Amino acid sequence: MRFNSTLIVVDPTPRRADGEYMAHARISGSRADGTGYEIHSGDLAGFDAREDAIAYAKNWAQDWLEVRFG
């Protein structure tokens, strides 16, 4: 991955819904001009275990960043 991870923050905190942990990711960072941005994945998938939801969201975010920044 070529993106600068010191300027990008991934928050993979899942939400609880209907007895499941819903994986989703929020990617935030700053542009070169100093303005901020946020990308929200929306709900990605439901999991019984919180750790599985977090891992899924982290992987999704890494894939998204790889496509975006190469």
N, C-alpha and C. Protein backbone atom coordinates (compact mmCIF):
# COMPACT_ATOMS: atom_id res chain seq x y z
N MET A 1 0.82 -1.17 0.00
CA MET A 1 0.00 0.00 0.00
C MET A 1 0.87 1.24 0.00
N ARG A 2 0.47 2.25 -0.75
CA ARG A 2 1.28 3.45 -0.85
C ARG A 2 0.68 4.65 -0.12
N PHE A 3 -0.48 4.52 0.46
CA PHE A 3 -1.06 5.66 1.16
C PHE A 3 -0.32 5.90 2.46
N ASN A 4 -0.39 7.14 2.96
CA ASN A 4 0.31 7.51 4.19
C ASN A 4 -0.62 7.25 5.37
N SER A 5 -0.38 6.17 6.09
CA SER A 5 -1.28 5.78 7.17
C SER A 5 -1.18 6.68 8.39
N THR A 6 -0.17 7.56 8.44
CA THR A 6 -0.11 8.50 9.55
C THR A 6 -1.11 9.63 9.37
N LEU A 7 -1.64 9.80 8.18
CA LEU A 7 -2.62 10.84 7.89
C LEU A 7 -4.04 10.29 7.79
N ILE A 8 -4.20 8.98 7.87
CA ILE A 8 -5.50 8.33 7.71
C ILE A 8 -5.80 7.52 8.96
N VAL A 9 -7.03 7.65 9.45
CA VAL A 9 -7.47 6.91 10.62
C VAL A 9 -8.65 6.03 10.22
N VAL A 10 -8.57 4.74 10.58
CA VAL A 10 -9.66 3.80 10.33
C VAL A 10 -10.31 3.46 11.66
N ASP A 11 -11.62 3.68 11.76
CA ASP A 11 -12.38 3.31 12.95
C ASP A 11 -13.29 2.14 12.57
N PRO A 12 -12.95 0.91 12.98
CA PRO A 12 -13.73 -0.27 12.62
C PRO A 12 -14.73 -0.69 13.70
N THR A 13 -15.06 0.22 14.63
CA THR A 13 -15.95 -0.12 15.75
C THR A 13 -17.30 -0.60 15.23
N PRO A 14 -17.70 -1.82 15.57
CA PRO A 14 -18.98 -2.32 15.09
C PRO A 14 -20.14 -1.76 15.91
N ARG A 15 -21.33 -1.85 15.36
CA ARG A 15 -22.52 -1.48 16.12
C ARG A 15 -23.31 -2.74 16.41
N ARG A 16 -24.08 -2.71 17.45
CA ARG A 16 -24.88 -3.86 17.85
C ARG A 16 -26.30 -3.68 17.30
N ALA A 17 -26.81 -4.70 16.62
CA ALA A 17 -28.16 -4.63 16.05
C ALA A 17 -28.75 -6.03 15.97
N ASP A 18 -29.92 -6.19 16.55
CA ASP A 18 -30.65 -7.47 16.49
C ASP A 18 -29.78 -8.65 16.92
N GLY A 19 -28.99 -8.47 17.96
CA GLY A 19 -28.17 -9.55 18.49
C GLY A 19 -26.90 -9.83 17.73
N GLU A 20 -26.60 -9.01 16.72
CA GLU A 20 -25.38 -9.19 15.93
C GLU A 20 -24.49 -7.96 16.07
N TYR A 21 -23.25 -8.14 15.73
CA TYR A 21 -22.32 -7.03 15.59
C TYR A 21 -22.24 -6.71 14.10
N MET A 22 -22.62 -5.48 13.75
CA MET A 22 -22.59 -5.07 12.35
C MET A 22 -21.25 -4.41 12.05
N ALA A 23 -20.52 -5.02 11.12
CA ALA A 23 -19.23 -4.46 10.71
C ALA A 23 -19.47 -3.24 9.84
N HIS A 24 -18.75 -2.19 10.14
CA HIS A 24 -18.70 -1.02 9.27
C HIS A 24 -17.42 -0.26 9.59
N ALA A 25 -17.00 0.58 8.68
CA ALA A 25 -15.74 1.30 8.86
C ALA A 25 -15.94 2.77 8.55
N ARG A 26 -15.21 3.58 9.29
CA ARG A 26 -15.14 5.01 9.02
C ARG A 26 -13.68 5.33 8.77
N ILE A 27 -13.40 5.90 7.62
CA ILE A 27 -12.04 6.29 7.25
C ILE A 27 -12.00 7.81 7.25
N SER A 28 -11.09 8.38 8.01
CA SER A 28 -10.98 9.84 8.05
C SER A 28 -9.53 10.26 7.85
N GLY A 29 -9.37 11.46 7.35
CA GLY A 29 -8.03 11.96 7.10
C GLY A 29 -8.06 13.41 6.69
N SER A 30 -6.91 13.89 6.28
CA SER A 30 -6.76 15.28 5.83
C SER A 30 -6.20 15.30 4.42
N ARG A 31 -6.74 16.22 3.65
CA ARG A 31 -6.21 16.44 2.30
C ARG A 31 -4.97 17.31 2.38
N ALA A 32 -4.27 17.45 1.28
CA ALA A 32 -3.04 18.25 1.23
C ALA A 32 -3.30 19.70 1.63
N ASP A 33 -4.51 20.20 1.35
CA ASP A 33 -4.82 21.60 1.70
C ASP A 33 -5.29 21.75 3.15
N GLY A 34 -5.30 20.65 3.91
CA GLY A 34 -5.67 20.71 5.32
C GLY A 34 -7.12 20.43 5.63
N THR A 35 -7.96 20.36 4.61
CA THR A 35 -9.37 20.05 4.86
C THR A 35 -9.53 18.57 5.18
N GLY A 36 -10.46 18.28 6.05
CA GLY A 36 -10.69 16.90 6.45
C GLY A 36 -11.74 16.21 5.59
N TYR A 37 -11.78 14.90 5.67
CA TYR A 37 -12.80 14.12 4.98
C TYR A 37 -13.09 12.86 5.76
N GLU A 38 -14.26 12.29 5.51
CA GLU A 38 -14.65 11.00 6.10
C GLU A 38 -15.35 10.16 5.04
N ILE A 39 -15.04 8.88 5.06
CA ILE A 39 -15.69 7.89 4.21
C ILE A 39 -16.38 6.90 5.15
N HIS A 40 -17.65 6.65 4.92
CA HIS A 40 -18.39 5.68 5.73
C HIS A 40 -18.78 4.50 4.85
N SER A 41 -18.48 3.30 5.31
CA SER A 41 -18.75 2.11 4.51
C SER A 41 -20.22 1.73 4.49
N GLY A 42 -20.96 2.11 5.51
CA GLY A 42 -22.29 1.56 5.70
C GLY A 42 -22.12 0.16 6.31
N ASP A 43 -23.22 -0.50 6.58
CA ASP A 43 -23.13 -1.84 7.15
C ASP A 43 -22.56 -2.81 6.12
N LEU A 44 -21.53 -3.55 6.53
CA LEU A 44 -20.85 -4.47 5.63
C LEU A 44 -21.35 -5.90 5.79
N ALA A 45 -21.49 -6.36 7.03
CA ALA A 45 -21.92 -7.74 7.30
C ALA A 45 -22.19 -7.88 8.80
N GLY A 46 -22.99 -8.88 9.16
CA GLY A 46 -23.29 -9.13 10.56
C GLY A 46 -22.50 -10.32 11.09
N PHE A 47 -22.07 -10.23 12.36
CA PHE A 47 -21.26 -11.29 12.98
C PHE A 47 -21.74 -11.54 14.40
N ASP A 48 -21.55 -12.77 14.86
CA ASP A 48 -21.85 -13.10 16.25
C ASP A 48 -20.79 -12.56 17.19
N ALA A 49 -19.55 -12.55 16.75
CA ALA A 49 -18.42 -12.12 17.60
C ALA A 49 -17.97 -10.71 17.20
N ARG A 50 -17.81 -9.85 18.20
CA ARG A 50 -17.37 -8.47 17.98
C ARG A 50 -16.02 -8.44 17.25
N GLU A 51 -15.10 -9.31 17.65
CA GLU A 51 -13.76 -9.33 17.06
C GLU A 51 -13.82 -9.65 15.56
N ASP A 52 -14.75 -10.53 15.17
CA ASP A 52 -14.89 -10.86 13.75
C ASP A 52 -15.38 -9.65 12.95
N ALA A 53 -16.30 -8.90 13.54
CA ALA A 53 -16.81 -7.70 12.86
C ALA A 53 -15.70 -6.66 12.70
N ILE A 54 -14.88 -6.50 13.73
CA ILE A 54 -13.77 -5.55 13.66
C ILE A 54 -12.76 -5.97 12.59
N ALA A 55 -12.40 -7.23 12.57
CA ALA A 55 -11.44 -7.73 11.58
C ALA A 55 -11.97 -7.55 10.16
N TYR A 56 -13.24 -7.82 9.96
CA TYR A 56 -13.85 -7.68 8.63
C TYR A 56 -13.80 -6.21 8.19
N ALA A 57 -14.16 -5.30 9.10
CA ALA A 57 -14.16 -3.88 8.76
C ALA A 57 -12.75 -3.37 8.46
N LYS A 58 -11.76 -3.83 9.24
CA LYS A 58 -10.37 -3.44 8.98
C LYS A 58 -9.92 -3.90 7.60
N ASN A 59 -10.25 -5.15 7.26
CA ASN A 59 -9.88 -5.68 5.94
C ASN A 59 -10.57 -4.91 4.82
N TRP A 60 -11.85 -4.58 5.02
CA TRP A 60 -12.57 -3.81 4.02
C TRP A 60 -11.88 -2.46 3.81
N ALA A 61 -11.53 -1.80 4.92
CA ALA A 61 -10.90 -0.48 4.83
C ALA A 61 -9.55 -0.58 4.13
N GLN A 62 -8.76 -1.59 4.45
CA GLN A 62 -7.46 -1.76 3.78
C GLN A 62 -7.65 -1.98 2.29
N ASP A 63 -8.62 -2.78 1.91
CA ASP A 63 -8.90 -3.01 0.48
C ASP A 63 -9.32 -1.70 -0.20
N TRP A 64 -10.21 -0.93 0.46
CA TRP A 64 -10.69 0.32 -0.09
C TRP A 64 -9.52 1.29 -0.30
N LEU A 65 -8.66 1.39 0.71
CA LEU A 65 -7.50 2.28 0.63
C LEU A 65 -6.53 1.84 -0.47
N GLU A 66 -6.35 0.54 -0.61
CA GLU A 66 -5.46 0.02 -1.66
C GLU A 66 -5.99 0.41 -3.04
N VAL A 67 -7.29 0.28 -3.26
CA VAL A 67 -7.90 0.65 -4.55
C VAL A 67 -7.78 2.15 -4.75
N ARG A 68 -8.05 2.92 -3.71
CA ARG A 68 -8.05 4.39 -3.82
C ARG A 68 -6.65 4.97 -4.02
N PHE A 69 -5.69 4.45 -3.28
CA PHE A 69 -4.35 5.05 -3.30
C PHE A 69 -3.28 4.17 -3.95
N GLY A 70 -3.66 2.93 -4.28
CA GLY A 70 -2.76 2.03 -4.97
C GLY A 70 -1.62 1.59 -4.18
